[in-house]
Amino acid sequence: KGLIERIGLNDSISTVKYDDKSDS
């Protein structure tokens, strides 16, 4: 699962979570 935030703004953030891991 994941979340992409601040689309259309500077410094957007993409986060991915799987197998108890998290990457942003």
PDB file of all heavy atoms in Angstrom:
ATOM      1  N   LYS A   1       0.863  -1.186   0.000  1.00  0.00           N
ATOM      2  CA  LYS A   1       0.000   0.000   0.000  1.00  0.00           C
ATOM      3  C   LYS A   1       0.895   1.229   0.000  1.00  0.00           C
ATOM      4  O   LYS A   1       2.080   1.153   0.361  1.00  0.00           O
ATOM      5  CB  LYS A   1      -0.947  -0.002   1.193  1.00  0.00           C
ATOM      6  CG  LYS A   1      -0.274  -0.035   2.543  1.00  0.00           C
ATOM      7  CD  LYS A   1      -1.287  -0.034   3.692  1.00  0.00           C
ATOM      8  CE  LYS A   1      -2.051  -1.324   3.781  1.00  0.00           C
ATOM      9  NZ  LYS A   1      -2.959  -1.368   4.965  1.00  0.00           N
ATOM     10  N   GLY A   2       0.325   2.347  -0.422  1.00  0.00           N
ATOM     11  CA  GLY A   2       1.151   3.545  -0.468  1.00  0.00           C
ATOM     12  C   GLY A   2       0.330   4.813  -0.567  1.00  0.00           C
ATOM     13  O   GLY A   2      -0.897   4.784  -0.725  1.00  0.00           O
ATOM     14  N   LEU A   3       1.047   5.922  -0.458  1.00  0.00           N
ATOM     15  CA  LEU A   3       0.425   7.238  -0.511  1.00  0.00           C
ATOM     16  C   LEU A   3       1.372   8.204  -1.193  1.00  0.00           C
ATOM     17  O   LEU A   3       2.557   8.270  -0.864  1.00  0.00           O
ATOM     18  CB  LEU A   3       0.112   7.729   0.909  1.00  0.00           C
ATOM     19  CG  LEU A   3      -0.433   9.153   1.053  1.00  0.00           C
ATOM     20  CD1 LEU A   3      -1.793   9.281   0.391  1.00  0.00           C
ATOM     21  CD2 LEU A   3      -0.507   9.560   2.529  1.00  0.00           C
ATOM     22  N   ILE A   4       0.834   8.930  -2.178  1.00  0.00           N
ATOM     23  CA  ILE A   4       1.584  10.010  -2.821  1.00  0.00           C
ATOM     24  C   ILE A   4       0.914  11.320  -2.418  1.00  0.00           C
ATOM     25  O   ILE A   4      -0.274  11.519  -2.664  1.00  0.00           O
ATOM     26  CB  ILE A   4       1.620   9.843  -4.349  1.00  0.00           C
ATOM     27  CG1 ILE A   4       2.302   8.513  -4.704  1.00  0.00           C
ATOM     28  CG2 ILE A   4       2.348  11.009  -5.009  1.00  0.00           C
ATOM     29  CD1 ILE A   4       2.282   8.166  -6.180  1.00  0.00           C
ATOM     30  N   GLU A   5       1.680  12.210  -1.778  1.00  0.00           N
ATOM     31  CA  GLU A   5       1.139  13.459  -1.243  1.00  0.00           C
ATOM     32  C   GLU A   5       1.747  14.670  -1.952  1.00  0.00           C
ATOM     33  O   GLU A   5       2.800  14.582  -2.556  1.00  0.00           O
ATOM     34  CB  GLU A   5       1.451  13.566   0.257  1.00  0.00           C
ATOM     35  CG  GLU A   5       0.937  12.418   1.093  1.00  0.00           C
ATOM     36  CD  GLU A   5       1.490  12.439   2.499  1.00  0.00           C
ATOM     37  OE1 GLU A   5       0.874  13.099   3.357  1.00  0.00           O
ATOM     38  OE2 GLU A   5       2.527  11.799   2.741  1.00  0.00           O
ATOM     39  N   ARG A   6       1.051  15.785  -1.851  1.00  0.00           N
ATOM     40  CA  ARG A   6       1.531  17.081  -2.371  1.00  0.00           C
ATOM     41  C   ARG A   6       1.713  17.056  -3.890  1.00  0.00           C
ATOM     42  O   ARG A   6       2.642  17.644  -4.430  1.00  0.00           O
ATOM     43  CB  ARG A   6       2.835  17.489  -1.671  1.00  0.00           C
ATOM     44  CG  ARG A   6       2.675  17.792  -0.192  1.00  0.00           C
ATOM     45  CD  ARG A   6       4.008  18.079   0.491  1.00  0.00           C
ATOM     46  NE  ARG A   6       4.717  19.167  -0.158  1.00  0.00           N
ATOM     47  CZ  ARG A   6       4.527  20.470   0.075  1.00  0.00           C
ATOM     48  NH1 ARG A   6       3.615  20.851   0.958  1.00  0.00           N
ATOM     49  NH2 ARG A   6       5.240  21.391  -0.554  1.00  0.00           N
ATOM     50  N   ILE A   7       0.806  16.376  -4.599  1.00  0.00           N
ATOM     51  CA  ILE A   7       0.847  16.393  -6.068  1.00  0.00           C
ATOM     52  C   ILE A   7       0.579  17.822  -6.539  1.00  0.00           C
ATOM     53  O   ILE A   7      -0.354  18.478  -6.081  1.00  0.00           O
ATOM     54  CB  ILE A   7      -0.204  15.430  -6.658  1.00  0.00           C
ATOM     55  CG1 ILE A   7       0.096  13.987  -6.229  1.00  0.00           C
ATOM     56  CG2 ILE A   7      -0.246  15.528  -8.188  1.00  0.00           C
ATOM     57  CD1 ILE A   7      -1.006  12.992  -6.568  1.00  0.00           C
ATOM     58  N   GLY A   8       1.409  18.298  -7.455  1.00  0.00           N
ATOM     59  CA  GLY A   8       1.263  19.658  -7.968  1.00  0.00           C
ATOM     60  C   GLY A   8       2.018  20.692  -7.159  1.00  0.00           C
ATOM     61  O   GLY A   8       2.026  21.877  -7.511  1.00  0.00           O
ATOM     62  N   LEU A   9       2.665  20.264  -6.071  1.00  0.00           N
ATOM     63  CA  LEU A   9       3.447  21.170  -5.226  1.00  0.00           C
ATOM     64  C   LEU A   9       4.906  20.720  -5.226  1.00  0.00           C
ATOM     65  O   LEU A   9       5.232  19.605  -5.638  1.00  0.00           O
ATOM     66  CB  LEU A   9       2.912  21.154  -3.786  1.00  0.00           C
ATOM     67  CG  LEU A   9       1.437  21.511  -3.600  1.00  0.00           C
ATOM     68  CD1 LEU A   9       1.002  21.225  -2.177  1.00  0.00           C
ATOM     69  CD2 LEU A   9       1.185  22.969  -3.956  1.00  0.00           C
ATOM     70  N   ASN A  10       5.783  21.581  -4.755  1.00  0.00           N
ATOM     71  CA  ASN A  10       7.179  21.181  -4.589  1.00  0.00           C
ATOM     72  C   ASN A  10       7.297  20.162  -3.459  1.00  0.00           C
ATOM     73  O   ASN A  10       6.471  20.134  -2.547  1.00  0.00           O
ATOM     74  CB  ASN A  10       8.052  22.403  -4.274  1.00  0.00           C
ATOM     75  CG  ASN A  10       8.094  23.377  -5.431  1.00  0.00           C
ATOM     76  OD1 ASN A  10       7.952  22.991  -6.591  1.00  0.00           O
ATOM     77  ND2 ASN A  10       8.289  24.652  -5.132  1.00  0.00           N
ATOM     78  N   ASP A  11       8.342  19.356  -3.527  1.00  0.00           N
ATOM     79  CA  ASP A  11       8.634  18.376  -2.472  1.00  0.00           C
ATOM     80  C   ASP A  11       7.464  17.421  -2.231  1.00  0.00           C
ATOM     81  O   ASP A  11       7.014  17.221  -1.094  1.00  0.00           O
ATOM     82  CB  ASP A  11       9.012  19.080  -1.158  1.00  0.00           C
ATOM     83  CG  ASP A  11      10.254  19.953  -1.312  1.00  0.00           C
ATOM     84  OD1 ASP A  11      11.131  19.587  -2.105  1.00  0.00           O
ATOM     85  OD2 ASP A  11      10.327  20.994  -0.632  1.00  0.00           O
ATOM     86  N   SER A  12       6.963  16.829  -3.312  1.00  0.00           N
ATOM     87  CA  SER A  12       5.950  15.780  -3.174  1.00  0.00           C
ATOM     88  C   SER A  12       6.579  14.569  -2.494  1.00  0.00           C
ATOM     89  O   SER A  12       7.793  14.356  -2.559  1.00  0.00           O
ATOM     90  CB  SER A  12       5.421  15.379  -4.554  1.00  0.00           C
ATOM     91  OG  SER A  12       5.087  16.515  -5.323  1.00  0.00           O
ATOM     92  N   ILE A  13       5.747  13.770  -1.824  1.00  0.00           N
ATOM     93  CA  ILE A  13       6.250  12.618  -1.071  1.00  0.00           C
ATOM     94  C   ILE A  13       5.535  11.356  -1.542  1.00  0.00           C
ATOM     95  O   ILE A  13       4.300  11.314  -1.592  1.00  0.00           O
ATOM     96  CB  ILE A  13       6.013  12.789   0.447  1.00  0.00           C
ATOM     97  CG1 ILE A  13       6.657  14.087   0.941  1.00  0.00           C
ATOM     98  CG2 ILE A  13       6.564  11.594   1.224  1.00  0.00           C
ATOM     99  CD1 ILE A  13       6.151  14.530   2.296  1.00  0.00           C
ATOM    100  N   SER A  14       6.319  10.333  -1.886  1.00  0.00           N
ATOM    101  CA  SER A  14       5.761   9.027  -2.249  1.00  0.00           C
ATOM    102  C   SER A  14       6.221   8.004  -1.220  1.00  0.00           C
ATOM    103  O   SER A  14       7.417   7.824  -1.003  1.00  0.00           O
ATOM    104  CB  SER A  14       6.226   8.609  -3.648  1.00  0.00           C
ATOM    105  OG  SER A  14       5.752   7.315  -3.941  1.00  0.00           O
ATOM    106  N   THR A  15       5.252   7.338  -0.586  1.00  0.00           N
ATOM    107  CA  THR A  15       5.550   6.336   0.445  1.00  0.00           C
ATOM    108  C   THR A  15       4.990   4.985   0.023  1.00  0.00           C
ATOM    109  O   THR A  15       3.841   4.897  -0.420  1.00  0.00           O
ATOM    110  CB  THR A  15       4.933   6.740   1.797  1.00  0.00           C
ATOM    111  OG1 THR A  15       5.405   8.040   2.152  1.00  0.00           O
ATOM    112  CG2 THR A  15       5.306   5.758   2.898  1.00  0.00           C
ATOM    113  N   VAL A  16       5.803   3.934   0.160  1.00  0.00           N
ATOM    114  CA  VAL A  16       5.398   2.563  -0.153  1.00  0.00           C
ATOM    115  C   VAL A  16       5.609   1.704   1.090  1.00  0.00           C
ATOM    116  O   VAL A  16       6.664   1.780   1.734  1.00  0.00           O
ATOM    117  CB  VAL A  16       6.232   1.978  -1.317  1.00  0.00           C
ATOM    118  CG1 VAL A  16       5.766   0.562  -1.647  1.00  0.00           C
ATOM    119  CG2 VAL A  16       6.138   2.865  -2.546  1.00  0.00           C
ATOM    120  N   LYS A  17       4.592   0.888   1.438  1.00  0.00           N
ATOM    121  CA  LYS A  17       4.710  -0.020   2.583  1.00  0.00           C
ATOM    122  C   LYS A  17       4.403  -1.441   2.129  1.00  0.00           C
ATOM    123  O   LYS A  17       3.388  -1.675   1.469  1.00  0.00           O
ATOM    124  CB  LYS A  17       3.743   0.394   3.695  1.00  0.00           C
ATOM    125  CG  LYS A  17       4.061   1.743   4.315  1.00  0.00           C
ATOM    126  CD  LYS A  17       3.081   2.109   5.415  1.00  0.00           C
ATOM    127  CE  LYS A  17       3.425   3.468   6.038  1.00  0.00           C
ATOM    128  NZ  LYS A  17       2.479   3.853   7.091  1.00  0.00           N
ATOM    129  N   TYR A  18       5.305  -2.380   2.487  1.00  0.00           N
ATOM    130  CA  TYR A  18       5.111  -3.793   2.148  1.00  0.00           C
ATOM    131  C   TYR A  18       5.996  -4.643   3.047  1.00  0.00           C
ATOM    132  O   TYR A  18       7.086  -4.213   3.452  1.00  0.00           O
ATOM    133  CB  TYR A  18       5.451  -4.042   0.674  1.00  0.00           C
ATOM    134  CG  TYR A  18       6.910  -3.818   0.337  1.00  0.00           C
ATOM    135  CD1 TYR A  18       7.797  -4.890   0.227  1.00  0.00           C
ATOM    136  CD2 TYR A  18       7.411  -2.530   0.156  1.00  0.00           C
ATOM    137  CE1 TYR A  18       9.138  -4.681  -0.058  1.00  0.00           C
ATOM    138  CE2 TYR A  18       8.757  -2.315  -0.132  1.00  0.00           C
ATOM    139  CZ  TYR A  18       9.609  -3.398  -0.232  1.00  0.00           C
ATOM    140  OH  TYR A  18      10.936  -3.195  -0.499  1.00  0.00           O
ATOM    141  N   ASP A  19       5.530  -5.846   3.393  1.00  0.00           N
ATOM    142  CA  ASP A  19       6.322  -6.792   4.202  1.00  0.00           C
ATOM    143  C   ASP A  19       6.955  -6.125   5.426  1.00  0.00           C
ATOM    144  O   ASP A  19       8.139  -6.326   5.717  1.00  0.00           O
ATOM    145  CB  ASP A  19       7.437  -7.429   3.355  1.00  0.00           C
ATOM    146  CG  ASP A  19       6.906  -8.316   2.254  1.00  0.00           C
ATOM    147  OD1 ASP A  19       5.736  -8.737   2.356  1.00  0.00           O
ATOM    148  OD2 ASP A  19       7.650  -8.582   1.297  1.00  0.00           O
ATOM    149  N   ASP A  20       6.192  -5.299   6.135  1.00  0.00           N
ATOM    150  CA  ASP A  20       6.696  -4.597   7.331  1.00  0.00           C
ATOM    151  C   ASP A  20       7.827  -3.626   7.013  1.00  0.00           C
ATOM    152  O   ASP A  20       8.570  -3.209   7.910  1.00  0.00           O
ATOM    153  CB  ASP A  20       7.155  -5.584   8.408  1.00  0.00           C
ATOM    154  CG  ASP A  20       6.003  -6.436   8.937  1.00  0.00           C
ATOM    155  OD1 ASP A  20       4.889  -5.888   9.061  1.00  0.00           O
ATOM    156  OD2 ASP A  20       6.222  -7.627   9.210  1.00  0.00           O
ATOM    157  N   LYS A  21       8.007  -3.287   5.741  1.00  0.00           N
ATOM    158  CA  LYS A  21       9.005  -2.290   5.352  1.00  0.00           C
ATOM    159  C   LYS A  21       8.287  -1.020   4.900  1.00  0.00           C
ATOM    160  O   LYS A  21       7.133  -1.055   4.488  1.00  0.00           O
ATOM    161  CB  LYS A  21       9.875  -2.813   4.200  1.00  0.00           C
ATOM    162  CG  LYS A  21      10.636  -4.076   4.506  1.00  0.00           C
ATOM    163  CD  LYS A  21      11.314  -4.589   3.244  1.00  0.00           C
ATOM    164  CE  LYS A  21      11.856  -6.000   3.444  1.00  0.00           C
ATOM    165  NZ  LYS A  21      12.249  -6.622   2.184  1.00  0.00           N
ATOM    166  N   SER A  22       8.993   0.092   4.982  1.00  0.00           N
ATOM    167  CA  SER A  22       8.449   1.365   4.514  1.00  0.00           C
ATOM    168  C   SER A  22       9.546   2.152   3.815  1.00  0.00           C
ATOM    169  O   SER A  22      10.674   2.226   4.300  1.00  0.00           O
ATOM    170  CB  SER A  22       7.894   2.170   5.693  1.00  0.00           C
ATOM    171  OG  SER A  22       7.329   3.386   5.249  1.00  0.00           O
ATOM    172  N   ASP A  23       9.208   2.716   2.648  1.00  0.00           N
ATOM    173  CA  ASP A  23      10.181   3.488   1.882  1.00  0.00           C
ATOM    174  C   ASP A  23       9.526   4.780   1.404  1.00  0.00           C
ATOM    175  O   ASP A  23       8.428   4.751   0.845  1.00  0.00           O
ATOM    176  CB  ASP A  23      10.676   2.671   0.681  1.00  0.00           C
ATOM    177  CG  ASP A  23      11.672   3.447  -0.159  1.00  0.00           C
ATOM    178  OD1 ASP A  23      12.828   3.589   0.272  1.00  0.00           O
ATOM    179  OD2 ASP A  23      11.284   3.941  -1.251  1.00  0.00           O
ATOM    180  N   SER A  24      10.177   5.910   1.650  1.00  0.00           N
ATOM    181  CA  SER A  24       9.655   7.206   1.201  1.00  0.00           C
ATOM    182  C   SER A  24      10.697   7.929   0.368  1.00  0.00           C
ATOM    183  O   SER A  24      11.900   7.803   0.611  1.00  0.00           O
ATOM    184  CB  SER A  24       9.282   8.088   2.396  1.00  0.00           C
ATOM    185  OG  SER A  24       8.145   7.597   3.049  1.00  0.00           O
TER     186      SER A  24
END
